[in-house]
N, C-alpha and C. Protein backbone atom coordinates (compact mmCIF):
# COMPACT_ATOMS: atom_id res chain seq x y z
N MET A 1 17.97 14.58 67.81
CA MET A 1 17.63 13.37 65.96
C MET A 1 17.57 12.28 66.13
N SER A 2 17.13 11.45 65.37
CA SER A 2 17.87 9.85 65.15
C SER A 2 18.46 9.98 64.18
N ASP A 3 18.95 8.41 63.83
CA ASP A 3 20.56 8.79 63.02
C ASP A 3 19.92 8.86 61.69
N PRO A 4 21.03 8.96 60.49
CA PRO A 4 20.41 8.52 59.76
C PRO A 4 19.22 7.47 58.55
N ILE A 5 18.79 7.99 57.49
CA ILE A 5 18.29 6.96 56.65
C ILE A 5 19.51 6.48 56.02
N VAL A 6 19.87 5.59 56.05
CA VAL A 6 21.15 5.18 54.49
C VAL A 6 20.19 4.81 53.35
N VAL A 7 20.73 5.80 52.40
CA VAL A 7 20.43 5.09 50.64
C VAL A 7 21.69 4.12 50.63
N ILE A 8 21.57 3.23 50.07
CA ILE A 8 22.73 2.57 49.43
C ILE A 8 22.51 2.39 47.76
N ASN A 9 23.41 3.01 47.12
CA ASN A 9 23.83 2.53 45.75
C ASN A 9 24.68 1.75 45.69
N PRO A 10 24.02 0.83 45.19
CA PRO A 10 25.05 -0.90 44.81
C PRO A 10 25.81 -0.64 44.01
N ASN A 11 25.51 -0.41 43.08
CA ASN A 11 26.74 0.60 41.78
C ASN A 11 27.31 0.96 42.06
N SER A 12 28.74 1.55 41.37
CA SER A 12 29.46 2.41 41.50
C SER A 12 29.83 4.00 40.96
N THR A 13 28.30 3.98 40.38
CA THR A 13 28.58 5.24 39.20
C THR A 13 28.31 6.07 40.67
N GLU A 14 29.06 7.20 40.27
CA GLU A 14 28.73 8.61 41.75
C GLU A 14 27.97 9.05 41.25
N ALA A 15 27.57 9.74 39.76
CA ALA A 15 26.45 10.12 38.77
C ALA A 15 24.67 9.34 39.05
N VAL A 16 24.87 8.16 39.47
CA VAL A 16 23.47 7.29 39.68
C VAL A 16 22.91 8.57 41.21
N THR A 17 24.20 7.90 42.18
CA THR A 17 24.24 8.39 43.95
C THR A 17 23.46 10.01 43.84
N GLU A 18 24.44 10.41 42.84
CA GLU A 18 23.76 12.35 42.80
C GLU A 18 22.40 12.65 42.62
N ALA A 19 21.82 12.31 41.37
CA ALA A 19 20.60 11.97 40.40
C ALA A 19 19.67 11.62 41.71
N MET A 20 20.14 10.61 42.06
CA MET A 20 18.92 10.00 43.13
C MET A 20 18.93 11.11 44.42
N SER A 21 20.04 11.18 45.25
CA SER A 21 19.98 12.70 46.10
C SER A 21 19.25 13.00 46.22
N ASP A 22 19.24 14.03 44.68
CA ASP A 22 18.26 15.57 44.09
C ASP A 22 17.19 14.87 44.42
N ALA A 23 16.85 13.56 44.02
CA ALA A 23 15.47 13.33 43.50
C ALA A 23 14.95 13.18 45.30
N LEU A 24 15.72 13.21 46.38
CA LEU A 24 15.21 12.82 47.09
C LEU A 24 15.09 14.18 48.09
N GLU A 25 15.35 14.95 47.36
CA GLU A 25 15.59 16.67 48.32
C GLU A 25 13.64 16.69 48.97
N GLY A 26 13.12 16.41 48.61
CA GLY A 26 11.40 17.20 48.66
C GLY A 26 11.37 16.13 49.89
N LEU A 27 12.24 15.10 50.57
CA LEU A 27 11.77 14.15 51.61
C LEU A 27 12.74 14.85 53.07
N ARG A 28 13.52 15.88 52.83
CA ARG A 28 14.30 16.29 53.66
C ARG A 28 13.65 16.93 54.19
N LEU A 29 13.22 16.90 55.23
CA LEU A 29 12.07 17.31 56.31
C LEU A 29 12.72 18.43 57.47
N PRO A 30 12.44 19.56 58.00
CA PRO A 30 13.06 20.20 58.94
C PRO A 30 13.19 19.65 59.76
N GLY A 31 13.73 18.92 61.04
CA GLY A 31 13.42 18.23 62.37
C GLY A 31 13.41 16.34 61.71
N GLY A 32 13.37 16.05 60.66
CA GLY A 32 13.56 14.86 60.38
C GLY A 32 14.87 14.23 60.06
N PRO A 33 14.99 12.99 60.08
CA PRO A 33 16.24 12.65 59.74
C PRO A 33 16.66 12.70 58.81
N ASP A 34 18.38 12.86 58.47
CA ASP A 34 18.73 13.06 57.60
C ASP A 34 18.63 11.57 56.49
N ILE A 35 19.44 12.19 55.15
CA ILE A 35 19.25 11.25 54.46
C ILE A 35 20.24 10.93 53.60
N GLU A 36 21.09 9.73 54.12
CA GLU A 36 22.41 10.31 53.43
C GLU A 36 22.72 9.08 52.10
N CYS A 37 22.96 9.27 51.66
CA CYS A 37 23.42 8.71 49.57
C CYS A 37 24.87 8.40 49.54
N LEU A 38 25.02 6.84 50.02
CA LEU A 38 26.60 6.09 49.81
C LEU A 38 26.71 5.71 48.28
N THR A 39 27.44 5.58 47.33
CA THR A 39 28.04 4.69 46.87
C THR A 39 28.78 3.10 47.26
N ASN A 40 28.36 2.55 46.37
CA ASN A 40 29.55 1.69 46.50
C ASN A 40 30.13 1.16 45.34
N PRO A 41 31.44 1.31 46.47
CA PRO A 41 33.31 1.50 45.48
C PRO A 41 33.36 0.81 44.65
N ASP A 42 33.26 -0.85 44.99
CA ASP A 42 33.72 -1.70 44.79
C ASP A 42 32.55 -2.30 43.75
N GLY A 43 31.73 -2.10 43.64
CA GLY A 43 30.52 -2.07 42.50
C GLY A 43 30.39 -2.06 41.58
N PRO A 44 30.32 -2.89 40.54
CA PRO A 44 29.45 -2.72 38.97
C PRO A 44 29.08 -1.02 38.48
N PRO A 45 29.81 -1.12 37.66
CA PRO A 45 29.14 0.36 36.88
C PRO A 45 27.81 0.40 37.67
N GLY A 46 26.73 -0.77 37.26
CA GLY A 46 25.87 -0.94 36.63
C GLY A 46 25.40 -2.10 36.71
N VAL A 47 24.10 -2.49 37.79
CA VAL A 47 23.93 -3.67 38.19
C VAL A 47 22.65 -4.28 36.70
N GLU A 48 23.40 -4.87 36.39
CA GLU A 48 23.05 -5.27 35.02
C GLU A 48 22.48 -6.91 34.55
N SER A 49 22.94 -7.41 35.24
CA SER A 49 23.28 -9.42 35.24
C SER A 49 22.44 -9.93 36.03
N GLN A 50 22.56 -10.97 36.62
CA GLN A 50 22.34 -11.27 37.50
C GLN A 50 23.98 -11.78 39.02
N ALA A 51 24.68 -11.72 37.86
CA ALA A 51 26.03 -11.83 38.48
C ALA A 51 25.87 -10.46 38.87
N ASP A 52 26.10 -9.54 38.38
CA ASP A 52 26.39 -8.39 39.54
C ASP A 52 25.42 -7.94 39.74
N ALA A 53 24.40 -8.78 40.41
CA ALA A 53 23.56 -8.91 41.04
C ALA A 53 23.90 -9.74 42.32
N ASP A 54 24.06 -10.66 42.28
CA ASP A 54 24.30 -11.16 43.73
C ASP A 54 26.11 -11.07 43.84
N LEU A 55 27.10 -9.91 43.30
CA LEU A 55 28.36 -9.49 43.71
C LEU A 55 27.57 -8.11 43.97
N ALA A 56 26.96 -7.66 43.99
CA ALA A 56 26.47 -6.24 45.05
C ALA A 56 25.42 -6.90 46.01
N ALA A 57 25.39 -8.14 46.20
CA ALA A 57 23.84 -7.96 47.15
C ALA A 57 25.20 -8.69 48.98
N VAL A 58 26.52 -9.31 48.30
CA VAL A 58 27.40 -9.60 49.46
C VAL A 58 27.65 -8.21 50.19
N GLN A 59 28.40 -7.42 48.82
CA GLN A 59 29.08 -6.25 49.65
C GLN A 59 27.01 -5.05 49.86
N VAL A 60 26.69 -5.10 49.65
CA VAL A 60 25.10 -4.43 50.30
C VAL A 60 25.11 -4.72 51.63
N ARG A 61 25.39 -6.41 51.56
CA ARG A 61 25.58 -6.80 52.98
C ARG A 61 26.38 -6.29 54.07
N GLU A 62 27.65 -5.96 53.51
CA GLU A 62 28.35 -5.68 54.33
C GLU A 62 28.48 -4.50 54.78
N ILE A 63 27.96 -3.10 53.68
CA ILE A 63 27.84 -2.13 54.16
C ILE A 63 27.14 -1.80 55.37
N VAL A 64 25.96 -2.89 55.19
CA VAL A 64 24.77 -2.47 56.62
C VAL A 64 25.39 -2.90 57.42
N ALA A 65 26.35 -3.88 57.41
CA ALA A 65 26.69 -4.66 58.72
C ALA A 65 27.59 -3.50 59.39
N ARG A 66 28.21 -2.76 58.63
CA ARG A 66 29.35 -1.88 59.03
C ARG A 66 28.85 -0.90 59.96
N ARG A 67 27.22 -0.04 59.34
CA ARG A 67 26.37 0.61 59.97
C ARG A 67 25.54 0.63 60.03
N ALA A 68 25.26 -0.66 61.02
CA ALA A 68 23.63 -1.47 61.59
C ALA A 68 23.94 0.06 63.01
N ASN A 69 24.96 0.50 63.35
CA ASN A 69 24.87 1.31 65.07
C ASN A 69 24.25 2.18 64.70
N SER A 70 24.30 3.05 63.25
CA SER A 70 24.02 4.28 62.85
C SER A 70 23.92 4.44 61.94
N ALA A 71 22.51 4.18 61.90
CA ALA A 71 21.17 4.33 60.92
C ALA A 71 20.06 4.06 61.39
N SER A 72 18.80 4.76 61.26
CA SER A 72 17.91 4.38 61.37
C SER A 72 16.49 3.37 60.48
N ALA A 73 17.51 3.44 59.07
CA ALA A 73 17.05 2.57 58.81
C ALA A 73 17.81 2.54 57.49
N PHE A 74 17.36 1.43 56.82
CA PHE A 74 18.34 1.51 55.53
C PHE A 74 17.82 1.70 53.89
N VAL A 75 18.08 1.96 52.73
CA VAL A 75 17.52 1.55 51.52
C VAL A 75 18.39 1.29 50.53
N ILE A 76 18.01 -0.14 49.99
CA ILE A 76 18.97 -0.57 49.08
C ILE A 76 18.14 -0.30 47.67
N ALA A 77 19.21 0.62 46.57
CA ALA A 77 18.71 1.54 45.69
C ALA A 77 18.59 0.93 44.38
N CYS A 78 18.82 -0.42 43.83
CA CYS A 78 18.55 -0.93 42.80
C CYS A 78 17.38 -1.38 43.02
N TYR A 79 17.05 -2.05 41.49
CA TYR A 79 15.79 -2.16 41.54
C TYR A 79 15.71 -3.95 41.54
N SER A 80 16.89 -4.44 41.40
CA SER A 80 17.26 -5.78 42.24
C SER A 80 16.66 -6.30 43.41
N ASP A 81 16.93 -5.00 44.47
CA ASP A 81 17.35 -5.20 45.63
C ASP A 81 18.01 -6.37 45.87
N PRO A 82 19.21 -6.29 45.66
CA PRO A 82 20.30 -7.06 46.43
C PRO A 82 20.38 -7.26 47.60
N GLY A 83 20.30 -8.47 47.98
CA GLY A 83 21.07 -8.36 49.63
C GLY A 83 19.75 -8.15 50.61
N ILE A 84 18.64 -8.23 50.01
CA ILE A 84 17.83 -7.53 51.11
C ILE A 84 17.62 -8.24 52.32
N HIS A 85 17.20 -9.71 52.23
CA HIS A 85 17.23 -10.61 52.91
C HIS A 85 18.60 -10.62 53.92
N ALA A 86 19.35 -10.88 53.84
CA ALA A 86 21.00 -10.63 54.39
C ALA A 86 21.08 -9.59 55.31
N ALA A 87 20.70 -8.20 54.11
CA ALA A 87 20.78 -6.95 55.11
C ALA A 87 19.94 -6.99 56.22
N ARG A 88 18.76 -7.36 55.76
CA ARG A 88 17.68 -7.53 57.09
C ARG A 88 18.13 -8.39 58.25
N GLU A 89 18.85 -8.98 58.28
CA GLU A 89 19.14 -10.00 59.19
C GLU A 89 20.66 -9.33 59.79
N ALA A 90 21.38 -8.46 59.11
CA ALA A 90 22.63 -7.89 59.96
C ALA A 90 21.92 -6.34 60.54
N ALA A 91 20.72 -6.13 59.65
CA ALA A 91 20.90 -5.10 60.78
C ALA A 91 19.84 -5.04 61.34
N GLY A 92 18.89 -5.36 61.89
CA GLY A 92 18.56 -5.32 63.35
C GLY A 92 17.52 -4.15 62.86
N LYS A 93 17.23 -3.34 61.73
CA LYS A 93 16.37 -2.60 61.71
C LYS A 93 15.62 -2.65 60.56
N PRO A 94 15.04 -1.75 60.29
CA PRO A 94 14.02 -1.53 58.15
C PRO A 94 15.53 -1.97 57.62
N VAL A 95 15.07 -2.55 56.33
CA VAL A 95 15.78 -2.46 55.13
C VAL A 95 14.92 -2.36 54.26
N PHE A 96 14.94 -0.88 53.20
CA PHE A 96 13.73 -1.43 52.55
C PHE A 96 14.36 -1.40 51.14
N GLY A 97 13.77 -2.38 49.67
CA GLY A 97 14.48 -2.02 48.87
C GLY A 97 13.95 -1.50 47.74
N ILE A 98 13.91 -1.13 46.70
CA ILE A 98 13.60 0.23 46.10
C ILE A 98 11.95 -0.57 45.30
N ALA A 99 12.52 -1.84 44.81
CA ALA A 99 11.76 -2.82 43.39
C ALA A 99 10.53 -2.89 44.59
N GLU A 100 10.40 -3.69 45.51
CA GLU A 100 9.56 -4.11 46.53
C GLU A 100 8.04 -2.99 47.11
N SER A 101 9.33 -1.31 47.52
CA SER A 101 8.97 -0.61 47.88
C SER A 101 8.16 0.33 46.46
N GLY A 102 8.59 0.08 45.18
CA GLY A 102 7.82 0.64 44.26
C GLY A 102 6.75 -0.10 43.53
N MET A 103 6.87 -0.98 43.45
CA MET A 103 5.77 -1.44 43.18
C MET A 103 4.76 -1.87 44.43
N LEU A 104 4.86 -1.91 45.22
CA LEU A 104 3.65 -1.64 46.64
C LEU A 104 3.21 -0.60 45.92
N ARG A 105 3.83 1.04 46.16
CA ARG A 105 3.53 1.94 46.19
C ARG A 105 2.17 2.27 45.05
N ALA A 106 2.78 1.80 43.81
CA ALA A 106 2.29 1.83 42.23
C ALA A 106 0.29 1.02 42.14
N MET A 107 0.85 -0.06 43.26
CA MET A 107 -0.45 -1.17 43.18
C MET A 107 -1.40 -0.01 44.59
N SER A 108 -0.41 0.39 44.99
CA SER A 108 -1.71 1.43 46.15
C SER A 108 -2.51 2.79 45.09
N VAL A 109 -1.80 3.10 44.05
CA VAL A 109 -2.71 4.26 43.36
C VAL A 109 -3.55 3.88 41.93
N ALA A 110 -3.49 2.28 41.82
CA ALA A 110 -3.89 1.59 40.27
C ALA A 110 -3.66 0.10 40.75
N GLY A 111 -5.28 -0.30 39.65
CA GLY A 111 -5.28 -1.81 39.79
C GLY A 111 -3.79 -2.73 38.77
N ASN A 112 -3.04 -2.14 38.24
CA ASN A 112 -1.55 -2.76 37.24
C ASN A 112 -1.43 -1.72 37.68
N PHE A 113 0.48 -2.24 36.95
CA PHE A 113 1.69 -1.18 36.63
C PHE A 113 2.45 -2.19 35.64
N GLY A 114 3.24 -1.10 35.14
CA GLY A 114 4.57 -1.40 34.60
C GLY A 114 5.61 -1.15 34.68
N VAL A 115 6.46 -1.43 34.10
CA VAL A 115 8.19 -1.30 34.44
C VAL A 115 8.74 -1.29 33.48
N ILE A 116 9.66 0.23 33.42
CA ILE A 116 10.66 0.47 32.31
C ILE A 116 11.80 -0.38 32.82
N ALA A 117 12.54 -1.21 32.02
CA ALA A 117 13.58 -1.70 32.94
C ALA A 117 14.73 -1.48 31.37
N ILE A 118 16.20 -1.21 31.90
CA ILE A 118 17.53 -0.49 31.49
C ILE A 118 17.24 -1.57 30.04
N LEU A 119 17.07 -2.72 30.22
CA LEU A 119 18.10 -3.65 29.19
C LEU A 119 17.29 -5.12 29.73
N GLU A 120 17.17 -5.75 27.97
CA GLU A 120 16.19 -6.36 27.83
C GLU A 120 16.30 -7.89 29.02
N LYS A 121 17.75 -8.05 29.30
CA LYS A 121 18.55 -9.42 30.20
C LYS A 121 18.07 -8.69 31.63
N SER A 122 17.59 -7.56 31.85
CA SER A 122 16.80 -6.95 33.03
C SER A 122 15.85 -8.06 33.63
N ILE A 123 14.80 -8.14 32.01
CA ILE A 123 13.40 -8.00 32.90
C ILE A 123 13.38 -10.03 33.20
N PRO A 124 14.23 -10.74 33.09
CA PRO A 124 14.26 -11.98 33.38
C PRO A 124 14.03 -12.28 34.87
N ARG A 125 15.38 -11.58 35.54
CA ARG A 125 15.28 -11.00 36.45
C ARG A 125 14.69 -10.78 37.55
N HIS A 126 13.88 -9.17 36.70
CA HIS A 126 12.82 -8.52 37.80
C HIS A 126 11.65 -10.13 37.65
N MET A 127 11.50 -10.56 36.74
CA MET A 127 10.17 -11.34 36.89
C MET A 127 10.01 -12.52 37.32
N ARG A 128 11.82 -12.88 37.94
CA ARG A 128 11.69 -14.20 38.92
C ARG A 128 11.29 -13.38 40.73
N TYR A 129 12.24 -11.95 40.61
CA TYR A 129 11.06 -11.36 42.14
C TYR A 129 10.09 -10.90 41.91
N ILE A 130 9.48 -10.55 40.72
CA ILE A 130 8.20 -10.11 40.58
C ILE A 130 7.11 -11.46 41.34
N ARG A 131 7.66 -12.43 40.66
CA ARG A 131 6.86 -13.95 41.07
C ARG A 131 6.74 -14.21 42.30
N THR A 132 8.47 -13.96 42.79
CA THR A 132 9.03 -14.11 45.06
C THR A 132 7.71 -13.77 45.46
N LEU A 133 7.47 -12.29 44.85
CA LEU A 133 6.58 -11.16 45.78
C LEU A 133 5.07 -11.41 45.86
N GLY A 134 4.89 -12.48 44.72
CA GLY A 134 3.47 -12.93 44.52
C GLY A 134 2.49 -11.47 43.96
N PHE A 135 3.40 -10.88 42.90
CA PHE A 135 3.00 -9.22 41.92
C PHE A 135 2.42 -9.61 40.94
N GLU A 136 2.71 -11.04 40.09
CA GLU A 136 2.70 -11.29 39.28
C GLU A 136 1.14 -10.64 38.47
N SER A 137 0.24 -10.59 39.21
CA SER A 137 -1.41 -10.80 38.64
C SER A 137 -1.69 -9.06 38.62
N ARG A 138 -0.62 -8.37 39.25
CA ARG A 138 -0.30 -7.04 38.59
C ARG A 138 0.25 -6.50 37.90
N LEU A 139 0.77 -7.12 36.99
CA LEU A 139 2.10 -6.36 36.30
C LEU A 139 1.34 -6.49 34.77
N ALA A 140 0.80 -5.18 34.28
CA ALA A 140 0.40 -5.26 33.20
C ALA A 140 1.81 -5.42 31.97
N GLY A 141 2.89 -5.41 32.07
CA GLY A 141 3.88 -5.18 31.41
C GLY A 141 4.91 -4.88 32.04
N GLU A 142 6.53 -5.30 31.02
CA GLU A 142 7.69 -4.62 31.36
C GLU A 142 8.51 -4.23 30.59
N ARG A 143 8.97 -2.97 29.74
CA ARG A 143 9.77 -3.27 28.59
C ARG A 143 11.11 -2.18 29.08
N ALA A 144 11.87 -2.56 28.21
CA ALA A 144 13.47 -2.23 27.97
C ALA A 144 14.13 -1.04 27.83
N LEU A 145 14.82 -0.26 27.62
CA LEU A 145 15.14 0.98 27.06
C LEU A 145 16.18 0.78 26.36
N GLY A 146 16.93 -0.33 26.03
CA GLY A 146 18.13 -0.70 25.76
C GLY A 146 19.05 0.34 25.86
N LEU A 147 19.10 0.70 27.37
CA LEU A 147 20.55 2.05 28.00
C LEU A 147 21.04 1.11 29.32
N GLY A 148 22.30 0.60 29.14
CA GLY A 148 22.94 0.46 30.54
C GLY A 148 22.61 1.43 31.22
N VAL A 149 23.03 1.30 32.33
CA VAL A 149 22.76 2.15 33.52
C VAL A 149 23.81 3.16 33.70
N VAL A 150 25.17 3.73 33.14
CA VAL A 150 25.59 4.71 32.65
C VAL A 150 25.47 5.44 31.53
N GLU A 151 24.47 5.07 30.22
CA GLU A 151 23.64 5.15 29.25
C GLU A 151 22.66 6.18 29.73
N LEU A 152 22.33 6.43 30.74
CA LEU A 152 21.02 6.89 31.38
C LEU A 152 21.53 8.29 32.16
N SER A 153 22.84 9.11 31.71
CA SER A 153 22.88 10.38 31.82
C SER A 153 23.14 11.09 31.21
N ASP A 154 22.56 10.49 29.66
CA ASP A 154 22.63 11.45 28.79
C ASP A 154 21.61 11.65 28.42
N GLU A 155 20.84 12.76 28.66
CA GLU A 155 20.13 13.20 28.46
C GLU A 155 18.46 12.82 27.90
N THR A 156 19.02 13.68 27.03
CA THR A 156 18.46 13.38 25.60
C THR A 156 17.93 12.37 25.21
N ARG A 157 19.17 11.09 24.81
CA ARG A 157 18.77 9.92 24.24
C ARG A 157 17.51 8.83 25.91
N ALA A 158 18.37 9.70 26.74
CA ALA A 158 17.35 8.72 27.66
C ALA A 158 15.99 8.72 28.00
N TYR A 159 15.71 10.07 27.83
CA TYR A 159 14.11 10.61 28.15
C TYR A 159 14.01 10.31 26.88
N ALA A 160 14.06 10.48 25.75
CA ALA A 160 13.01 10.10 24.56
C ALA A 160 12.77 9.03 24.54
N ARG A 161 13.83 7.73 25.35
CA ARG A 161 13.39 6.18 25.38
C ARG A 161 12.31 6.38 26.10
N LEU A 162 12.45 6.54 27.17
CA LEU A 162 11.32 6.42 28.08
C LEU A 162 10.30 7.14 28.23
N VAL A 163 9.94 8.13 27.06
CA VAL A 163 8.91 7.99 26.62
C VAL A 163 7.77 7.56 26.00
N GLU A 164 8.92 6.92 25.41
CA GLU A 164 8.69 5.60 24.22
C GLU A 164 7.56 4.56 25.08
N LYS A 165 8.85 3.70 26.08
CA LYS A 165 8.24 3.06 26.28
C LYS A 165 7.44 3.54 27.60
N GLY A 166 7.47 4.42 28.46
CA GLY A 166 5.97 4.99 29.39
C GLY A 166 4.60 4.80 27.86
N ASN A 167 4.53 5.23 26.66
CA ASN A 167 3.68 5.25 25.71
C ASN A 167 3.28 3.66 25.60
N GLU A 168 4.18 2.84 25.52
CA GLU A 168 4.11 1.86 25.21
C GLU A 168 3.59 0.94 26.05
N LEU A 169 3.59 1.21 27.85
CA LEU A 169 3.68 0.54 28.44
C LEU A 169 1.80 1.10 28.74
N ARG A 170 1.81 2.37 28.69
CA ARG A 170 -0.02 2.84 28.94
C ARG A 170 -0.48 2.21 27.70
N GLU A 171 -0.50 2.36 26.46
CA GLU A 171 -1.15 2.41 25.21
C GLU A 171 -1.19 0.81 24.78
N LEU A 172 -0.10 0.28 24.94
CA LEU A 172 -0.09 -1.33 24.39
C LEU A 172 -0.58 -2.78 25.43
N ASP A 173 0.05 -1.69 26.77
CA ASP A 173 -0.29 -3.08 27.87
C ASP A 173 -1.18 -2.47 28.74
N GLY A 174 -1.28 -1.18 29.02
CA GLY A 174 -2.96 -1.34 29.66
C GLY A 174 -2.18 -0.79 31.04
N ALA A 175 -1.34 -0.26 30.96
CA ALA A 175 -0.58 -0.75 32.63
C ALA A 175 -1.28 1.42 32.53
N GLN A 176 -1.64 1.22 34.33
CA GLN A 176 -2.43 2.93 34.82
C GLN A 176 -1.46 3.11 35.38
N VAL A 177 -0.44 2.98 35.34
CA VAL A 177 1.35 3.51 36.75
C VAL A 177 2.28 3.27 36.02
N VAL A 178 3.62 3.62 35.82
CA VAL A 178 5.19 2.84 35.68
C VAL A 178 5.68 3.39 36.74
N VAL A 179 6.59 2.34 36.74
CA VAL A 179 7.22 2.15 38.25
C VAL A 179 8.71 2.29 37.03
N LEU A 180 9.65 3.44 37.41
CA LEU A 180 10.75 3.07 36.58
C LEU A 180 11.73 1.89 37.63
N GLY A 181 12.20 1.72 36.34
CA GLY A 181 13.35 0.12 36.89
C GLY A 181 14.36 0.45 37.39
N CYS A 182 14.78 2.02 37.68
CA CYS A 182 16.14 1.44 37.64
C CYS A 182 16.45 2.84 38.41
N ALA A 183 17.06 3.03 39.78
CA ALA A 183 17.23 4.53 40.56
C ALA A 183 17.93 5.49 39.84
N GLY A 184 18.56 4.82 38.67
CA GLY A 184 19.79 6.27 37.61
C GLY A 184 18.45 6.89 36.67
N MET A 185 17.15 6.54 36.90
CA MET A 185 15.89 7.16 36.05
C MET A 185 15.67 8.56 36.74
N ALA A 186 15.51 8.75 38.32
CA ALA A 186 14.83 9.55 39.33
C ALA A 186 14.29 10.82 38.04
N ARG A 187 15.81 11.26 37.84
CA ARG A 187 15.68 12.76 37.30
C ARG A 187 14.64 12.59 36.50
N TYR A 188 14.09 11.90 36.14
CA TYR A 188 13.15 12.35 34.41
C TYR A 188 11.71 11.64 35.11
N ARG A 189 11.47 11.54 36.18
CA ARG A 189 10.34 10.94 36.67
C ARG A 189 9.14 11.92 36.37
N ALA A 190 9.07 13.02 37.33
CA ALA A 190 7.90 14.40 37.03
C ALA A 190 7.88 14.49 35.46
N ALA A 191 9.27 14.87 34.42
CA ALA A 191 8.60 15.08 33.31
C ALA A 191 7.93 14.02 32.88
N LEU A 192 8.55 12.84 32.97
CA LEU A 192 8.13 12.00 32.10
C LEU A 192 6.84 11.58 32.73
N GLU A 193 6.31 11.77 33.65
CA GLU A 193 4.44 11.84 34.43
C GLU A 193 3.85 13.13 33.41
N GLU A 194 4.19 13.76 33.64
CA GLU A 194 3.68 14.36 32.72
C GLU A 194 3.05 14.06 31.17
N GLU A 195 4.57 13.40 30.76
CA GLU A 195 4.35 13.36 29.24
C GLU A 195 3.93 12.22 29.18
N ILE A 196 3.43 11.54 29.24
CA ILE A 196 2.74 10.69 28.90
C ILE A 196 1.24 9.91 29.95
N GLY A 197 0.95 10.82 31.26
CA GLY A 197 -0.22 11.25 31.24
C GLY A 197 -0.91 10.64 32.41
N ILE A 198 -0.29 9.25 32.93
CA ILE A 198 -0.26 8.62 33.92
C ILE A 198 0.46 8.61 35.11
N PRO A 199 0.51 7.87 36.48
CA PRO A 199 1.15 8.08 37.24
C PRO A 199 2.82 7.68 37.16
N VAL A 200 3.82 7.98 37.00
CA VAL A 200 5.45 7.83 37.15
C VAL A 200 5.91 7.33 38.74
N ILE A 201 5.75 6.14 39.39
CA ILE A 201 6.67 6.43 40.65
C ILE A 201 8.70 6.14 40.88
N ASP A 202 8.55 6.79 41.47
CA ASP A 202 10.36 6.65 40.96
C ASP A 202 10.36 5.68 42.37
N PRO A 203 10.88 4.81 42.15
CA PRO A 203 10.89 3.64 43.57
C PRO A 203 11.80 4.49 44.95
N THR A 204 12.86 4.79 44.59
CA THR A 204 13.72 5.72 45.39
C THR A 204 12.81 6.05 46.36
N GLN A 205 12.35 7.00 45.48
CA GLN A 205 11.25 7.96 46.77
C GLN A 205 10.46 7.34 47.56
N ALA A 206 9.88 5.93 46.85
CA ALA A 206 8.53 5.36 47.24
C ALA A 206 9.79 5.05 48.88
N ALA A 207 10.45 3.87 48.31
CA ALA A 207 11.49 3.12 49.98
C ALA A 207 11.44 4.44 50.92
N VAL A 208 12.26 5.36 50.86
CA VAL A 208 12.61 6.22 51.42
C VAL A 208 11.40 6.87 51.99
N SER A 209 10.09 7.30 51.51
CA SER A 209 9.28 7.59 52.13
C SER A 209 9.06 6.78 52.77
N ASN A 210 9.06 5.40 53.53
CA ASN A 210 8.63 4.30 53.50
C ASN A 210 9.49 4.22 55.16
N ALA A 211 10.89 4.48 54.31
CA ALA A 211 11.46 4.56 55.11
C ALA A 211 11.96 6.09 56.78
N LEU A 212 11.18 7.04 56.15
CA LEU A 212 11.29 8.03 56.52
C LEU A 212 9.69 7.92 57.38
N THR A 213 9.26 7.34 57.16
CA THR A 213 7.40 7.30 57.82
C THR A 213 7.98 6.45 59.43
N ASN A 214 8.63 5.26 58.91
CA ASN A 214 9.54 4.47 60.37
C ASN A 214 10.05 5.60 61.35
N ALA A 215 10.71 6.03 60.31
CA ALA A 215 11.28 7.34 61.41
C ALA A 215 10.57 8.19 62.46
N LEU A 216 10.11 8.71 61.84
CA LEU A 216 9.00 9.69 62.50
C LEU A 216 7.94 9.52 63.27
N LEU A 217 7.37 7.73 62.93
CA LEU A 217 6.51 7.42 63.74
C LEU A 217 7.30 7.12 64.97
N LYS A 218 8.45 6.62 65.10
CA LYS A 218 8.89 5.48 66.00
C LYS A 218 9.01 4.29 65.24
N SER A 219 8.32 3.59 64.62
CA SER A 219 8.19 2.37 64.60
C SER A 219 9.28 1.67 64.55
N PRO A 220 9.29 0.27 64.92
CA PRO A 220 10.16 -0.36 65.12
C PRO A 220 10.90 -0.86 63.62
């Protein structure tokens, strides 16, 4: 069996890692690689600002460097993809960011996509990255829940906001598919998709699917 796919939660909130791992259960295939989810114990409780992302980037690179010889691939499970380029340099093997993977998955199933962010201040950071990736022309819009990462564990409140923002993206922005802009939203994907009537992409599932394909096909 190949080395595990290592999924790194760059924040220090264990509940996010647990919810993320639960959402990946369907990708744990008989005979396939293990999917190991790690929490960054020294990270911020949530990556909610550029300063948080910059701190997490350094820590993610260090985690990847330590595990480079005992993983088949890495997934950076934060929608800012913090440290992705340094991690790729350190790893010598595939490193997938959930934002890049989630948007690529969305663009493969629809002409445009919308993103649900956690906070308004997250949106400028996301937009800088979207422009860097060249995806701006396919973005229908991005809307924020107004909830921090830790607050996503309040299921009643978080789900109601997700439905509200998902419907706004569909009805007001014309989004044909929605990407969840935080790994902590993973538990709500299926119910939200049914509620708003358009595809909803969990970017961590998208990134791990890419890593799994690489492992199963033994791609370099």
